[in-house]
Each structure stands twice: as structure tokens, then as C-alpha cells.
Amino acid sequence: MIKVLIAEDDPRIALLHQSMVEKIANFEVIAIANTISELKEYIELMRPDLLLLDVYFPDGNGIDFLSWMRSNAVHTDVILITAAKEMASLEKSLRYGVFDYLIKPIMFYRFQSSLQKFHDYKEKVISQEELSQSKVDAFFNKTLQPTKPLHVGLPKGVDGITLEKILSALHQSQAFFSASEIAEILGINRTTARRYLEYLVSEAKVEVDSLYGSVGRPERKYRLKTTE
């Protein structure tokens, strides 16, 4: 099993990432750190195989933590998972040798592909005793396969990328989600989230239920349909 440490300042997102890891064979989450100080303690104590690292923390910066890791001979591999879209963050992380760079919100198939690539890489490292140029080339070729095609034939006003993100969010759990919850997870408008969810209901990909909240008013909630 590949031991994974999750470093994310938002506990809710950290648990979401944990649930995503647990859906993938050969990986296990051994700890979650919500601050840089916790991260330093956990990574030195537990020596995980893989660190899923955010950039922004209340007590520090994930990019600076990469520098600390290298200075202290901590050789854990890193996949950066962050809302940071600046080229400077990507450039610095590449200098420190991160295995991959994922931008929030993450679609599950992209997350799964990244972890599977890492697993395959580790298997190659363990199994090789002698290097050839072709084997070296295989180690450095970590480029992911082209992303799967977006939905075709969508009605006007339904964007394939947004649809993929909503499907990925629903895929994380068998629980029901409200349009407001999906909107918060993805950082989109509630009205937009509901429109896409209702479209998925019409396509028989999502089921809906009316659940009663604390004030007694019914609220439509959605979850991905399971295949029998």
C-alpha cells in the first residue's frame, strides 16, 4: 500500500480528498494535516510515500514547505493540489520536483489518473535493477493521457466542463447533495448548479429526493444514480 499524507487547511476539502483516495486501490491515507506545523510533525514522524499538498495555509505556504523538505532531506513524493493558478507557483513546484500539479476543483477521473500514474511509477522503481535509456525515458515520461472528451450534443446553455465537474463532485459520495452544497464545492452560482443537476435528472444520471430541513420546508437533493 502507498501511504498518503493529506495537507489541506480546509477540513471539509481534506475529507473530500480522503474519500477520493479511498476509492483508489493500493492507496491509504495515514494522516491529515491542516497547518504547516502539523505537516512538519507528521511527515517527519510517519514518512509517507506521497504527500497531497495544498499551497495556502494559515501559518505558511506549501511552496515554501517544498523548499523545507529538500533542505531537510525529506524525500516524500508530492502532488500539489491547489487553487493557485499562477505560473510562478507551477514553475517553483516543478523546480522542487513535484510529481503532478492539480488545480481545484478536481475532477475525480483526473485525480485517479494522477495517483495511478504515481503507483505505476513506484512499481517500476521497485522492479528495476539495471537502467537502460528506454527505462530512463519511461520514468521521465509522466505525461497523462489526453483528458476524456467532453459531452457532445449538449443542449444550449449546458457546458461540458461544468457538467464534468458536477458529475465528479457527485461521484465522491452516495449521500444526497443540495444545489447549494454543490455550488459551494465547485465555487459556482447556486442557480447554475441547480440547472445542471436538473439536466442530469432529465438524463436519468442523477436521482432526486425532497428532504425536509430544520425549518420544515422541503429541499430538493441529488445524488448520482447507482448501477444495479
C-alpha atoms as a PDB file:
ATOM      1  CA  MET A   1       0.000   0.000   0.000  1.00  0.00           C
ATOM      2  CA  ILE A   2       1.126   3.520  -0.788  1.00  0.00           C
ATOM      3  CA  LYS A   3       0.898   5.657   2.352  1.00  0.00           C
ATOM      4  CA  VAL A   4      -0.640   9.089   1.715  1.00  0.00           C
ATOM      5  CA  LEU A   5      -0.492  12.225   3.851  1.00  0.00           C
ATOM      6  CA  ILE A   6      -3.031  14.948   3.018  1.00  0.00           C
ATOM      7  CA  ALA A   7      -2.107  18.573   3.784  1.00  0.00           C
ATOM      8  CA  GLU A   8      -5.130  20.860   3.361  1.00  0.00           C
ATOM      9  CA  ASP A   9      -6.189  23.785   5.545  1.00  0.00           C
ATOM     10  CA  ASP A  10      -9.932  23.293   4.906  1.00  0.00           C
ATOM     11  CA  PRO A  11     -11.047  20.206   6.904  1.00  0.00           C
ATOM     12  CA  ARG A  12     -14.049  19.646   4.649  1.00  0.00           C
ATOM     13  CA  ILE A  13     -11.950  19.568   1.484  1.00  0.00           C
ATOM     14  CA  ALA A  14      -9.363  17.381   3.235  1.00  0.00           C
ATOM     15  CA  LEU A  15     -12.064  14.794   3.986  1.00  0.00           C
ATOM     16  CA  LEU A  16     -13.258  15.009   0.387  1.00  0.00           C
ATOM     17  CA  HIS A  17      -9.741  14.266  -0.839  1.00  0.00           C
ATOM     18  CA  GLN A  18      -9.505  11.410   1.652  1.00  0.00           C
ATOM     19  CA  SER A  19     -12.701   9.872   0.273  1.00  0.00           C
ATOM     20  CA  MET A  20     -11.275  10.158  -3.248  1.00  0.00           C
ATOM     21  CA  VAL A  21      -8.048   8.407  -2.223  1.00  0.00           C
ATOM     22  CA  GLU A  22     -10.002   5.615  -0.559  1.00  0.00           C
ATOM     23  CA  LYS A  23     -11.771   4.867  -3.845  1.00  0.00           C
ATOM     24  CA  ILE A  24      -8.437   4.029  -5.500  1.00  0.00           C
ATOM     25  CA  ALA A  25      -6.789   0.643  -4.970  1.00  0.00           C
ATOM     26  CA  ASN A  26      -3.332   0.408  -3.352  1.00  0.00           C
ATOM     27  CA  PHE A  27      -3.531   3.768  -1.546  1.00  0.00           C
ATOM     28  CA  GLU A  28      -4.284   4.534   2.110  1.00  0.00           C
ATOM     29  CA  VAL A  29      -4.492   7.853   3.962  1.00  0.00           C
ATOM     30  CA  ILE A  30      -2.409   7.736   7.137  1.00  0.00           C
ATOM     31  CA  ALA A  31      -2.981  11.313   8.356  1.00  0.00           C
ATOM     32  CA  ILE A  32      -4.437  14.732   7.563  1.00  0.00           C
ATOM     33  CA  ALA A  33      -2.606  17.961   8.407  1.00  0.00           C
ATOM     34  CA  ASN A  34      -4.472  21.281   8.449  1.00  0.00           C
ATOM     35  CA  THR A  35      -1.463  23.505   9.166  1.00  0.00           C
ATOM     36  CA  ILE A  36       2.195  23.657   8.148  1.00  0.00           C
ATOM     37  CA  SER A  37       3.281  22.971  11.739  1.00  0.00           C
ATOM     38  CA  GLU A  38       1.176  19.789  11.814  1.00  0.00           C
ATOM     39  CA  LEU A  39       2.535  18.835   8.405  1.00  0.00           C
ATOM     40  CA  LYS A  40       6.156  19.101   9.537  1.00  0.00           C
ATOM     41  CA  GLU A  41       5.417  16.950  12.565  1.00  0.00           C
ATOM     42  CA  TYR A  42       3.500  14.275  10.644  1.00  0.00           C
ATOM     43  CA  ILE A  43       5.845  13.991   7.684  1.00  0.00           C
ATOM     44  CA  GLU A  44       8.927  13.530   9.851  1.00  0.00           C
ATOM     45  CA  LEU A  45       7.169  11.040  12.112  1.00  0.00           C
ATOM     46  CA  MET A  46       5.292   8.964   9.525  1.00  0.00           C
ATOM     47  CA  ARG A  47       7.473   9.267   6.402  1.00  0.00           C
ATOM     48  CA  PRO A  48       4.601   8.820   3.913  1.00  0.00           C
ATOM     49  CA  ASP A  49       5.185   7.712   0.327  1.00  0.00           C
ATOM     50  CA  LEU A  50       3.061  10.504  -1.122  1.00  0.00           C
ATOM     51  CA  LEU A  51       2.041  13.970   0.056  1.00  0.00           C
ATOM     52  CA  LEU A  52      -1.064  15.659  -1.367  1.00  0.00           C
ATOM     53  CA  LEU A  53      -0.130  19.275  -0.686  1.00  0.00           C
ATOM     54  CA  ASP A  54      -2.149  22.495  -0.775  1.00  0.00           C
ATOM     55  CA  VAL A  55      -0.410  25.866  -1.211  1.00  0.00           C
ATOM     56  CA  TYR A  56      -2.223  28.225   1.141  1.00  0.00           C
ATOM     57  CA  PHE A  57      -2.180  27.638   4.917  1.00  0.00           C
ATOM     58  CA  PRO A  58      -2.854  29.971   7.852  1.00  0.00           C
ATOM     59  CA  ASP A  59       0.703  29.523   9.110  1.00  0.00           C
ATOM     60  CA  GLY A  60       2.689  29.186   5.917  1.00  0.00           C
ATOM     61  CA  ASN A  61       2.918  28.338   2.247  1.00  0.00           C
ATOM     62  CA  GLY A  62       3.067  24.939   0.558  1.00  0.00           C
ATOM     63  CA  ILE A  63       5.699  26.060  -1.962  1.00  0.00           C
ATOM     64  CA  ASP A  64       7.946  27.195   0.897  1.00  0.00           C
ATOM     65  CA  PHE A  65       7.320  23.828   2.541  1.00  0.00           C
ATOM     66  CA  LEU A  66       8.716  22.097  -0.559  1.00  0.00           C
ATOM     67  CA  SER A  67      11.934  24.045  -0.025  1.00  0.00           C
ATOM     68  CA  TRP A  68      11.963  22.974   3.641  1.00  0.00           C
ATOM     69  CA  MET A  69      11.520  19.338   2.601  1.00  0.00           C
ATOM     70  CA  ARG A  70      14.524  19.422   0.297  1.00  0.00           C
ATOM     71  CA  SER A  71      16.668  21.240   2.882  1.00  0.00           C
ATOM     72  CA  ASN A  72      15.811  18.594   5.491  1.00  0.00           C
ATOM     73  CA  ALA A  73      16.307  15.580   3.201  1.00  0.00           C
ATOM     74  CA  VAL A  74      12.630  14.592   3.280  1.00  0.00           C
ATOM     75  CA  HIS A  75      12.198  12.531   0.126  1.00  0.00           C
ATOM     76  CA  THR A  76       8.419  12.032   0.107  1.00  0.00           C
ATOM     77  CA  ASP A  77       6.922  12.489  -3.359  1.00  0.00           C
ATOM     78  CA  VAL A  78       4.454  15.352  -3.752  1.00  0.00           C
ATOM     79  CA  ILE A  79       1.325  16.024  -5.776  1.00  0.00           C
ATOM     80  CA  LEU A  80       0.282  19.649  -5.429  1.00  0.00           C
ATOM     81  CA  ILE A  81      -3.493  20.187  -5.154  1.00  0.00           C
ATOM     82  CA  THR A  82      -4.285  23.863  -5.099  1.00  0.00           C
ATOM     83  CA  ALA A  83      -6.434  26.758  -6.233  1.00  0.00           C
ATOM     84  CA  ALA A  84      -3.222  28.606  -7.161  1.00  0.00           C
ATOM     85  CA  LYS A  85      -3.257  29.221 -10.904  1.00  0.00           C
ATOM     86  CA  GLU A  86      -0.220  31.477 -11.160  1.00  0.00           C
ATOM     87  CA  MET A  87       2.535  30.302 -13.483  1.00  0.00           C
ATOM     88  CA  ALA A  88       5.066  31.231 -10.788  1.00  0.00           C
ATOM     89  CA  SER A  89       3.609  28.629  -8.410  1.00  0.00           C
ATOM     90  CA  LEU A  90       3.784  25.961 -11.106  1.00  0.00           C
ATOM     91  CA  GLU A  91       7.340  26.920 -12.040  1.00  0.00           C
ATOM     92  CA  LYS A  92       8.567  26.804  -8.437  1.00  0.00           C
ATOM     93  CA  SER A  93       6.855  23.490  -7.737  1.00  0.00           C
ATOM     94  CA  LEU A  94       8.484  21.946 -10.818  1.00  0.00           C
ATOM     95  CA  ARG A  95      11.883  23.083  -9.596  1.00  0.00           C
ATOM     96  CA  TYR A  96      11.268  21.154  -6.392  1.00  0.00           C
ATOM     97  CA  GLY A  97      10.314  18.036  -8.339  1.00  0.00           C
ATOM     98  CA  VAL A  98       6.589  17.646  -7.664  1.00  0.00           C
ATOM     99  CA  PHE A  99       5.086  14.626  -9.396  1.00  0.00           C
ATOM    100  CA  ASP A 100       1.930  16.412 -10.560  1.00  0.00           C
ATOM    101  CA  TYR A 101       0.017  19.686 -10.194  1.00  0.00           C
ATOM    102  CA  LEU A 102      -3.787  19.576  -9.837  1.00  0.00           C
ATOM    103  CA  ILE A 103      -5.970  22.687  -9.833  1.00  0.00           C
ATOM    104  CA  LYS A 104      -9.101  22.826  -7.676  1.00  0.00           C
ATOM    105  CA  PRO A 105     -11.852  21.878  -8.013  1.00  0.00           C
ATOM    106  CA  ILE A 106     -10.529  18.473  -9.058  1.00  0.00           C
ATOM    107  CA  MET A 107     -12.418  16.114 -11.301  1.00  0.00           C
ATOM    108  CA  PHE A 108     -12.191  12.592  -9.936  1.00  0.00           C
ATOM    109  CA  TYR A 109     -11.016  10.944 -13.149  1.00  0.00           C
ATOM    110  CA  ARG A 110      -8.068  13.412 -13.304  1.00  0.00           C
ATOM    111  CA  PHE A 111      -7.237  12.760  -9.650  1.00  0.00           C
ATOM    112  CA  GLN A 112      -7.454   8.993 -10.158  1.00  0.00           C
ATOM    113  CA  SER A 113      -5.273   9.181 -13.259  1.00  0.00           C
ATOM    114  CA  SER A 114      -2.592  11.088 -11.358  1.00  0.00           C
ATOM    115  CA  LEU A 115      -2.491   8.602  -8.478  1.00  0.00           C
ATOM    116  CA  GLN A 116      -2.478   5.646 -10.859  1.00  0.00           C
ATOM    117  CA  LYS A 117       0.476   7.167 -12.709  1.00  0.00           C
ATOM    118  CA  PHE A 118       2.263   7.519  -9.387  1.00  0.00           C
ATOM    119  CA  HIS A 119       1.506   3.904  -8.474  1.00  0.00           C
ATOM    120  CA  ASP A 120       2.836   2.693 -11.830  1.00  0.00           C
ATOM    121  CA  TYR A 121       5.956   4.823 -11.374  1.00  0.00           C
ATOM    122  CA  LYS A 122       6.640   3.335  -7.928  1.00  0.00           C
ATOM    123  CA  GLU A 123       6.145  -0.187  -9.285  1.00  0.00           C
ATOM    124  CA  LYS A 124       8.751   0.499 -11.977  1.00  0.00           C
ATOM    125  CA  VAL A 125      11.209   1.864  -9.399  1.00  0.00           C
ATOM    126  CA  ILE A 126      10.838  -1.233  -7.218  1.00  0.00           C
ATOM    127  CA  SER A 127      11.120  -3.712 -10.079  1.00  0.00           C
ATOM    128  CA  GLN A 128      14.141  -2.251 -11.921  1.00  0.00           C
ATOM    129  CA  GLU A 129      17.660  -3.367 -11.021  1.00  0.00           C
ATOM    130  CA  GLU A 130      19.538  -2.007 -14.029  1.00  0.00           C
ATOM    131  CA  LEU A 131      18.788   1.061 -16.121  1.00  0.00           C
ATOM    132  CA  SER A 132      18.712   1.471 -19.874  1.00  0.00           C
ATOM    133  CA  GLN A 133      17.952   4.644 -21.817  1.00  0.00           C
ATOM    134  CA  SER A 134      14.456   3.367 -22.649  1.00  0.00           C
ATOM    135  CA  LYS A 135      13.770   2.723 -18.963  1.00  0.00           C
ATOM    136  CA  VAL A 136      15.017   6.194 -18.042  1.00  0.00           C
ATOM    137  CA  ASP A 137      12.770   7.688 -20.707  1.00  0.00           C
ATOM    138  CA  ALA A 138       9.809   5.782 -19.260  1.00  0.00           C
ATOM    139  CA  PHE A 139      10.493   7.184 -15.785  1.00  0.00           C
ATOM    140  CA  PHE A 140      10.573  10.763 -17.049  1.00  0.00           C
ATOM    141  CA  ASN A 141       7.514  10.392 -19.259  1.00  0.00           C
ATOM    142  CA  LYS A 142       4.840  11.191 -16.660  1.00  0.00           C
ATOM    143  CA  THR A 143       2.558  12.987 -19.103  1.00  0.00           C
ATOM    144  CA  LEU A 144      -1.060  11.990 -18.572  1.00  0.00           C
ATOM    145  CA  GLN A 145      -3.178  10.620 -21.340  1.00  0.00           C
ATOM    146  CA  PRO A 146      -5.402  13.189 -23.083  1.00  0.00           C
ATOM    147  CA  THR A 147      -8.405  14.025 -20.997  1.00  0.00           C
ATOM    148  CA  LYS A 148     -11.554  12.208 -21.974  1.00  0.00           C
ATOM    149  CA  PRO A 149     -13.724  14.043 -24.453  1.00  0.00           C
ATOM    150  CA  LEU A 150     -16.395  16.398 -23.251  1.00  0.00           C
ATOM    151  CA  HIS A 151     -20.022  15.534 -23.712  1.00  0.00           C
ATOM    152  CA  VAL A 152     -21.251  16.040 -27.235  1.00  0.00           C
ATOM    153  CA  GLY A 153     -24.747  17.021 -28.283  1.00  0.00           C
ATOM    154  CA  LEU A 154     -25.407  19.038 -25.137  1.00  0.00           C
ATOM    155  CA  PRO A 155     -28.341  21.446 -25.144  1.00  0.00           C
ATOM    156  CA  LYS A 156     -27.730  25.176 -25.319  1.00  0.00           C
ATOM    157  CA  GLY A 157     -26.557  26.602 -22.011  1.00  0.00           C
ATOM    158  CA  VAL A 158     -25.030  23.327 -20.749  1.00  0.00           C
ATOM    159  CA  ASP A 159     -21.234  23.408 -20.771  1.00  0.00           C
ATOM    160  CA  GLY A 160     -19.331  20.116 -20.882  1.00  0.00           C
ATOM    161  CA  ILE A 161     -16.589  21.167 -18.457  1.00  0.00           C
ATOM    162  CA  THR A 162     -19.054  22.346 -15.801  1.00  0.00           C
ATOM    163  CA  LEU A 163     -21.076  19.170 -16.294  1.00  0.00           C
ATOM    164  CA  GLU A 164     -17.938  17.047 -15.747  1.00  0.00           C
ATOM    165  CA  LYS A 165     -17.165  18.928 -12.524  1.00  0.00           C
ATOM    166  CA  ILE A 166     -20.665  18.391 -11.138  1.00  0.00           C
ATOM    167  CA  LEU A 167     -20.593  14.682 -12.015  1.00  0.00           C
ATOM    168  CA  SER A 168     -17.189  14.375 -10.348  1.00  0.00           C
ATOM    169  CA  ALA A 169     -18.449  16.093  -7.166  1.00  0.00           C
ATOM    170  CA  LEU A 170     -21.462  13.754  -7.001  1.00  0.00           C
ATOM    171  CA  HIS A 171     -19.190  10.772  -7.564  1.00  0.00           C
ATOM    172  CA  GLN A 172     -17.402  11.341  -4.246  1.00  0.00           C
ATOM    173  CA  SER A 173     -20.261  10.063  -2.075  1.00  0.00           C
ATOM    174  CA  GLN A 174     -23.574   8.241  -2.192  1.00  0.00           C
ATOM    175  CA  ALA A 175     -25.078  10.944   0.005  1.00  0.00           C
ATOM    176  CA  PHE A 176     -27.637  13.417  -1.333  1.00  0.00           C
ATOM    177  CA  PHE A 177     -26.368  16.927  -2.138  1.00  0.00           C
ATOM    178  CA  SER A 178     -28.396  20.113  -2.422  1.00  0.00           C
ATOM    179  CA  ALA A 179     -27.790  22.581  -5.254  1.00  0.00           C
ATOM    180  CA  SER A 180     -26.319  24.976  -2.658  1.00  0.00           C
ATOM    181  CA  GLU A 181     -23.819  22.356  -1.457  1.00  0.00           C
ATOM    182  CA  ILE A 182     -22.691  21.545  -4.991  1.00  0.00           C
ATOM    183  CA  ALA A 183     -22.392  25.255  -5.745  1.00  0.00           C
ATOM    184  CA  GLU A 184     -20.176  25.759  -2.672  1.00  0.00           C
ATOM    185  CA  ILE A 185     -17.932  22.793  -3.504  1.00  0.00           C
ATOM    186  CA  LEU A 186     -17.370  23.951  -7.077  1.00  0.00           C
ATOM    187  CA  GLY A 187     -17.457  27.707  -6.494  1.00  0.00           C
ATOM    188  CA  ILE A 188     -20.323  28.306  -8.910  1.00  0.00           C
ATOM    189  CA  ASN A 189     -23.700  30.028  -8.719  1.00  0.00           C
ATOM    190  CA  ARG A 190     -26.497  28.086  -6.947  1.00  0.00           C
ATOM    191  CA  THR A 191     -28.887  28.681  -9.845  1.00  0.00           C
ATOM    192  CA  THR A 192     -26.320  27.285 -12.272  1.00  0.00           C
ATOM    193  CA  ALA A 193     -25.757  24.233 -10.080  1.00  0.00           C
ATOM    194  CA  ARG A 194     -29.486  23.525  -9.910  1.00  0.00           C
ATOM    195  CA  ARG A 195     -29.901  23.894 -13.685  1.00  0.00           C
ATOM    196  CA  TYR A 196     -27.148  21.349 -14.346  1.00  0.00           C
ATOM    197  CA  LEU A 197     -28.462  18.983 -11.679  1.00  0.00           C
ATOM    198  CA  GLU A 198     -31.958  19.109 -13.159  1.00  0.00           C
ATOM    199  CA  TYR A 199     -30.473  18.397 -16.580  1.00  0.00           C
ATOM    200  CA  LEU A 200     -28.748  15.316 -15.155  1.00  0.00           C
ATOM    201  CA  VAL A 201     -32.050  14.235 -13.633  1.00  0.00           C
ATOM    202  CA  SER A 202     -33.702  14.514 -17.061  1.00  0.00           C
ATOM    203  CA  GLU A 203     -30.888  12.369 -18.490  1.00  0.00           C
ATOM    204  CA  ALA A 204     -31.507   9.709 -15.796  1.00  0.00           C
ATOM    205  CA  LYS A 205     -27.932  10.077 -14.493  1.00  0.00           C
ATOM    206  CA  VAL A 206     -28.960  11.622 -11.188  1.00  0.00           C
ATOM    207  CA  GLU A 207     -31.818  10.851  -8.830  1.00  0.00           C
ATOM    208  CA  VAL A 208     -33.615  13.463  -6.767  1.00  0.00           C
ATOM    209  CA  ASP A 209     -35.418  13.435  -3.444  1.00  0.00           C
ATOM    210  CA  SER A 210     -37.223  16.082  -1.421  1.00  0.00           C
ATOM    211  CA  LEU A 211     -35.797  16.165   2.077  1.00  0.00           C
ATOM    212  CA  TYR A 212     -37.071  18.314   4.925  1.00  0.00           C
ATOM    213  CA  GLY A 213     -34.720  20.697   6.663  1.00  0.00           C
ATOM    214  CA  SER A 214     -34.826  22.202  10.141  1.00  0.00           C
ATOM    215  CA  VAL A 215     -37.421  24.810   9.148  1.00  0.00           C
ATOM    216  CA  GLY A 216     -39.766  22.208   7.714  1.00  0.00           C
ATOM    217  CA  ARG A 217     -39.522  23.266   4.082  1.00  0.00           C
ATOM    218  CA  PRO A 218     -38.688  20.531   1.552  1.00  0.00           C
ATOM    219  CA  GLU A 219     -35.390  20.877  -0.300  1.00  0.00           C
ATOM    220  CA  ARG A 220     -34.517  19.046  -3.491  1.00  0.00           C
ATOM    221  CA  LYS A 221     -31.376  16.961  -3.065  1.00  0.00           C
ATOM    222  CA  TYR A 222     -29.485  14.999  -5.657  1.00  0.00           C
ATOM    223  CA  ARG A 223     -27.175  12.019  -5.901  1.00  0.00           C
ATOM    224  CA  LEU A 224     -25.572  10.024  -8.665  1.00  0.00           C
ATOM    225  CA  LYS A 225     -27.637   7.030  -9.761  1.00  0.00           C
ATOM    226  CA  THR A 226     -26.029   3.706  -8.941  1.00  0.00           C
ATOM    227  CA  THR A 227     -25.942   0.923 -11.482  1.00  0.00           C
ATOM    228  CA  GLU A 228     -27.545  -2.307 -10.311  1.00  0.00           C
END
